[in-house]
Amino acid sequence: MNDETYRLLLYGMSVLAVVVFVSLYFVKAGYGMFRTRSWGWSVPNKVGWVCMEAPAFLVMGIGAWKGGVNLYTPQAVFVGLFLLHYFQRSFVFPLLMKGKSRMPLAIMAMGILFNVINATLLVASFFSCAVPGKYEPVTYWSHPLPWVGVVAFFIGMAINLQADHVIRNLRKPGDTRHYLPEKVFYRYVTSANYFGELVEWTGFALLTASPAAWVFVWWTAANLVPRADAIYKRYCEEFGRQAVGNRKRIIPYIY
């Protein structure tokens, strides 16, 4: 990818994220508790998640290989952490899913498209479109922000994994009712899994100092913040505002 294409895609994705952010306050993405028949054909949730997330893993892996990543460079850390997240999301998370939920093909297709473009932009930002000398190992690791980013990445991942564990274990086998999660970070927000993911990718952006990674953070927020609002309102409707209490939607004590 050349620099001009890279910049155009960055600007285009940034603007499109604004449209998505606003739209999702009016239209609930039809997966999980908000799936309806109006979203059309669907596939089993496990299949949908693998098909949707695996392209990011593959594009990053192939891109790093073609970019000639060196094990002793910062880019090797970037690629490794990205692949770690998407290996878990593509191949571990779906296997741990319970129940027989389904994912609309439209949602799966949009997820595939985003993941391919996002991973492609990140690969370009780490290799072909990186500022010459930007990722020189000794100089790069002498700054504090990459280290802050690594810590934030793993904190966010831990929150996300723990929150997913809580959600998976809300129901007993055969139970299809909804429950209000209340353990760990769910004491502070109704979408602790989304909070963890937002922290994780913010850490990744601090680590990589990549414009594409910051666009990824913006896209993460554009998708998850409106959905967290919808989940918060659904919980208030089902369990009452008193049960939800002082919890925020996605960012503890703030929103």
Protein backbone atom coordinates (compact mmCIF):
# COMPACT_ATOMS: atom_id res chain seq x y z
CA MET A 1 0.00 0.00 0.00
CA ASN A 2 1.36 3.46 -0.91
CA ASP A 3 1.25 6.49 1.38
CA GLU A 4 -1.56 8.24 -0.51
CA THR A 5 -3.90 5.24 -0.37
CA TYR A 6 -3.04 4.76 3.29
CA ARG A 7 -3.92 8.36 4.17
CA LEU A 8 -7.16 8.30 2.16
CA LEU A 9 -8.28 5.13 3.89
CA LEU A 10 -7.44 6.58 7.30
CA TYR A 11 -9.50 9.71 6.62
CA GLY A 12 -12.34 7.72 5.09
CA MET A 13 -12.50 5.27 7.99
CA SER A 14 -12.42 8.12 10.51
CA VAL A 15 -15.37 9.88 8.88
CA LEU A 16 -17.30 6.64 8.44
CA ALA A 17 -16.85 5.89 12.14
CA VAL A 18 -18.70 9.13 12.95
CA VAL A 19 -21.63 7.96 10.81
CA VAL A 20 -21.59 4.56 12.53
CA PHE A 21 -21.40 6.14 15.98
CA VAL A 22 -24.47 8.31 15.40
CA SER A 23 -26.43 5.61 13.53
CA LEU A 24 -26.02 3.01 16.27
CA TYR A 25 -27.85 5.25 18.72
CA PHE A 26 -30.90 4.83 16.49
CA VAL A 27 -30.44 1.34 14.99
CA LYS A 28 -29.38 -1.53 17.27
CA ALA A 29 -26.92 -3.90 15.60
CA GLY A 30 -28.84 -7.16 15.36
CA TYR A 31 -26.65 -9.64 17.19
CA GLY A 32 -26.79 -10.99 20.72
CA MET A 33 -29.82 -9.83 22.70
CA PHE A 34 -30.84 -7.45 19.88
CA ARG A 35 -31.07 -9.99 17.05
CA THR A 36 -34.41 -10.00 15.26
CA ARG A 37 -35.73 -11.82 12.20
CA SER A 38 -35.73 -8.53 10.29
CA TRP A 39 -31.93 -8.88 9.93
CA GLY A 40 -32.52 -11.80 7.55
CA TRP A 41 -30.50 -14.98 7.13
CA SER A 42 -28.27 -16.01 9.98
CA VAL A 43 -25.64 -18.57 10.96
CA PRO A 44 -24.83 -20.19 14.32
CA ASN A 45 -23.07 -17.72 16.58
CA LYS A 46 -19.89 -19.79 16.79
CA VAL A 47 -19.59 -19.96 13.00
CA GLY A 48 -20.30 -16.25 12.68
CA TRP A 49 -17.61 -15.25 15.19
CA VAL A 50 -14.94 -17.44 13.60
CA CYS A 51 -15.72 -16.18 10.09
CA MET A 52 -15.89 -12.56 11.27
CA GLU A 53 -12.74 -12.40 13.42
CA ALA A 54 -10.35 -14.85 11.73
CA PRO A 55 -9.67 -12.55 8.73
CA ALA A 56 -7.98 -10.03 11.04
CA PHE A 57 -5.68 -12.77 12.33
CA LEU A 58 -4.86 -13.95 8.81
CA VAL A 59 -4.33 -10.51 7.27
CA MET A 60 -2.00 -9.43 10.08
CA GLY A 61 -0.05 -12.68 9.96
CA ILE A 62 0.38 -12.62 6.19
CA GLY A 63 1.12 -8.88 6.19
CA ALA A 64 3.82 -9.23 8.85
CA TRP A 65 5.40 -12.12 6.94
CA LYS A 66 5.42 -10.14 3.69
CA GLY A 67 6.68 -7.06 5.53
CA GLY A 68 9.68 -9.01 6.73
CA VAL A 69 9.07 -8.52 10.45
CA ASN A 70 12.21 -8.97 12.54
CA LEU A 71 11.89 -10.60 15.96
CA TYR A 72 14.02 -7.89 17.56
CA THR A 73 11.95 -4.91 16.43
CA PRO A 74 8.96 -3.16 18.06
CA GLN A 75 6.79 -4.31 15.16
CA ALA A 76 7.25 -7.92 16.30
CA VAL A 77 5.66 -6.97 19.64
CA PHE A 78 2.81 -5.12 17.89
CA VAL A 79 2.07 -8.06 15.62
CA GLY A 80 2.37 -10.58 18.46
CA LEU A 81 -0.14 -8.76 20.69
CA PHE A 82 -2.59 -8.26 17.82
CA LEU A 83 -2.38 -11.95 16.90
CA LEU A 84 -2.77 -12.93 20.57
CA HIS A 85 -6.03 -10.99 20.81
CA TYR A 86 -7.44 -12.28 17.55
CA PHE A 87 -6.39 -15.87 18.14
CA GLN A 88 -8.42 -15.77 21.35
CA ARG A 89 -11.31 -13.96 19.65
CA SER A 90 -11.33 -16.13 16.52
CA PHE A 91 -10.67 -19.63 17.83
CA VAL A 92 -11.03 -19.71 21.64
CA PHE A 93 -13.93 -17.35 22.38
CA PRO A 94 -16.36 -19.08 19.95
CA LEU A 95 -15.58 -22.52 21.42
CA LEU A 96 -16.46 -21.28 24.89
CA MET A 97 -19.84 -19.92 23.80
CA LYS A 98 -22.94 -21.49 25.30
CA GLY A 99 -26.47 -21.60 23.96
CA LYS A 100 -27.80 -21.65 20.42
CA SER A 101 -27.76 -17.98 19.46
CA ARG A 102 -27.38 -16.97 15.84
CA MET A 103 -25.65 -14.14 14.00
CA PRO A 104 -27.17 -12.40 10.94
CA LEU A 105 -25.12 -12.82 7.78
CA ALA A 106 -25.24 -9.05 7.29
CA ILE A 107 -23.50 -8.47 10.64
CA MET A 108 -20.92 -11.14 9.85
CA ALA A 109 -20.21 -9.64 6.42
CA MET A 110 -19.77 -6.12 7.85
CA GLY A 111 -17.45 -7.50 10.51
CA ILE A 112 -15.31 -9.30 7.92
CA LEU A 113 -15.03 -6.15 5.80
CA PHE A 114 -14.01 -4.01 8.77
CA ASN A 115 -11.47 -6.51 10.07
CA VAL A 116 -9.80 -6.88 6.68
CA ILE A 117 -9.51 -3.11 6.17
CA ASN A 118 -8.42 -2.46 9.75
CA ALA A 119 -5.72 -5.15 9.75
CA THR A 120 -4.50 -3.97 6.32
CA LEU A 121 -4.15 -0.39 7.58
CA LEU A 122 -2.29 -1.54 10.67
CA VAL A 123 0.11 -3.63 8.60
CA ALA A 124 0.78 -0.63 6.37
CA SER A 125 1.36 1.63 9.39
CA PHE A 126 3.89 -0.81 10.86
CA PHE A 127 5.79 -1.55 7.65
CA SER A 128 5.33 0.05 4.21
CA CYS A 129 3.98 3.41 5.42
CA ALA A 130 5.94 3.77 8.67
CA VAL A 131 8.09 6.87 9.03
CA PRO A 132 11.71 5.82 8.37
CA GLY A 133 13.51 5.17 11.66
CA LYS A 134 10.33 5.46 13.73
CA TYR A 135 10.56 1.94 15.10
CA GLU A 136 14.31 1.76 15.72
CA PRO A 137 14.40 -0.55 18.79
CA VAL A 138 16.74 1.26 21.19
CA THR A 139 15.23 4.69 20.58
CA TYR A 140 11.63 3.45 20.57
CA TRP A 141 11.79 1.56 23.85
CA SER A 142 13.53 4.47 25.58
CA HIS A 143 10.21 6.35 25.69
CA PRO A 144 7.66 5.65 28.46
CA LEU A 145 4.47 5.60 26.34
CA PRO A 146 5.10 2.21 24.68
CA TRP A 147 5.54 0.65 28.11
CA VAL A 148 2.37 2.33 29.38
CA GLY A 149 0.63 0.97 26.30
CA VAL A 150 1.78 -2.61 26.95
CA VAL A 151 0.49 -2.46 30.54
CA ALA A 152 -2.85 -0.95 29.45
CA PHE A 153 -3.20 -3.58 26.71
CA PHE A 154 -2.89 -6.47 29.16
CA ILE A 155 -5.09 -4.79 31.77
CA GLY A 156 -7.78 -4.28 29.13
CA MET A 157 -7.45 -7.85 27.90
CA ALA A 158 -7.74 -9.19 31.46
CA ILE A 159 -10.89 -7.12 32.09
CA ASN A 160 -12.39 -8.28 28.80
CA LEU A 161 -11.67 -11.97 29.42
CA GLN A 162 -12.96 -11.82 32.99
CA ALA A 163 -16.12 -10.01 31.88
CA ASP A 164 -16.75 -12.63 29.16
CA HIS A 165 -16.34 -15.35 31.78
CA VAL A 166 -18.95 -13.68 33.99
CA ILE A 167 -21.43 -13.40 31.10
CA ARG A 168 -20.94 -17.02 30.04
CA ASN A 169 -21.72 -18.28 33.52
CA LEU A 170 -24.86 -16.26 34.22
CA ARG A 171 -27.11 -19.10 33.06
CA LYS A 172 -27.38 -22.72 33.99
CA PRO A 173 -27.70 -25.30 31.16
CA GLY A 174 -31.06 -24.99 29.44
CA ASP A 175 -31.84 -21.58 30.92
CA THR A 176 -32.68 -18.87 28.35
CA ARG A 177 -33.54 -15.99 30.67
CA HIS A 178 -31.57 -12.74 30.87
CA TYR A 179 -29.69 -11.85 34.04
CA LEU A 180 -28.03 -8.68 35.25
CA PRO A 181 -24.28 -9.32 35.59
CA GLU A 182 -22.94 -7.99 38.88
CA LYS A 183 -19.45 -9.40 39.47
CA VAL A 184 -16.02 -7.77 39.12
CA PHE A 185 -16.21 -4.72 36.79
CA TYR A 186 -19.94 -5.24 36.25
CA ARG A 187 -20.31 -3.58 39.63
CA TYR A 188 -19.30 -0.33 37.91
CA VAL A 189 -20.59 -0.61 34.33
CA THR A 190 -23.21 -2.70 32.56
CA SER A 191 -20.81 -3.48 29.67
CA ALA A 192 -17.56 -4.41 31.40
CA ASN A 193 -16.46 -6.54 28.43
CA TYR A 194 -16.66 -3.48 26.18
CA PHE A 195 -14.79 -1.35 28.71
CA GLY A 196 -11.99 -3.91 28.72
CA GLU A 197 -11.78 -3.92 24.94
CA LEU A 198 -11.67 -0.13 24.80
CA VAL A 199 -8.82 -0.06 27.33
CA GLU A 200 -7.02 -2.82 25.44
CA TRP A 201 -6.99 -1.06 22.08
CA THR A 202 -6.18 2.31 23.63
CA GLY A 203 -3.13 0.62 25.14
CA PHE A 204 -2.29 -0.81 21.72
CA ALA A 205 -2.46 2.66 20.17
CA LEU A 206 -0.17 4.08 22.87
CA LEU A 207 2.23 1.19 22.31
CA THR A 208 2.39 1.50 18.53
CA ALA A 209 2.09 5.29 18.13
CA SER A 210 0.27 4.42 14.90
CA PRO A 211 -2.41 6.64 13.30
CA ALA A 212 -4.14 3.45 12.11
CA ALA A 213 -4.24 2.13 15.68
CA TRP A 214 -5.88 5.36 16.88
CA VAL A 215 -8.47 5.06 14.10
CA PHE A 216 -9.05 1.54 15.40
CA VAL A 217 -9.69 2.96 18.89
CA TRP A 218 -12.15 5.43 17.41
CA TRP A 219 -13.93 2.63 15.55
CA THR A 220 -14.02 0.52 18.71
CA ALA A 221 -15.66 3.39 20.58
CA ALA A 222 -18.03 4.14 17.68
CA ASN A 223 -19.30 0.55 17.77
CA LEU A 224 -19.25 -0.22 21.47
CA VAL A 225 -20.32 3.01 23.17
CA PRO A 226 -23.78 3.16 21.48
CA ARG A 227 -24.25 -0.58 22.02
CA ALA A 228 -23.34 -0.19 25.69
CA ASP A 229 -26.02 2.51 25.90
CA ALA A 230 -28.58 0.15 24.33
CA ILE A 231 -27.64 -2.65 26.76
CA TYR A 232 -27.89 -0.26 29.72
CA LYS A 233 -31.39 0.78 28.66
CA ARG A 234 -32.44 -2.85 28.12
CA TYR A 235 -31.26 -3.76 31.61
CA CYS A 236 -33.15 -0.80 33.06
CA GLU A 237 -36.31 -1.96 31.26
CA GLU A 238 -35.96 -5.62 32.31
CA PHE A 239 -34.65 -5.26 35.87
CA GLY A 240 -35.55 -1.68 36.82
CA ARG A 241 -33.35 1.33 37.41
CA GLN A 242 -33.07 0.50 41.08
CA ALA A 243 -31.44 -2.86 40.26
CA VAL A 244 -29.05 -1.24 37.80
CA GLY A 245 -28.22 1.33 40.46
CA ASN A 246 -25.28 3.69 39.99
CA ARG A 247 -23.60 1.63 37.31
CA LYS A 248 -22.50 3.51 34.21
CA ARG A 249 -22.72 2.18 30.67
CA ILE A 250 -19.11 1.54 29.64
CA ILE A 251 -16.65 3.86 31.43
CA PRO A 252 -16.72 3.62 35.25
CA TYR A 253 -17.95 6.79 37.01
CA ILE A 254 -18.12 8.69 33.68
CA TYR A 255 -20.55 7.20 31.10
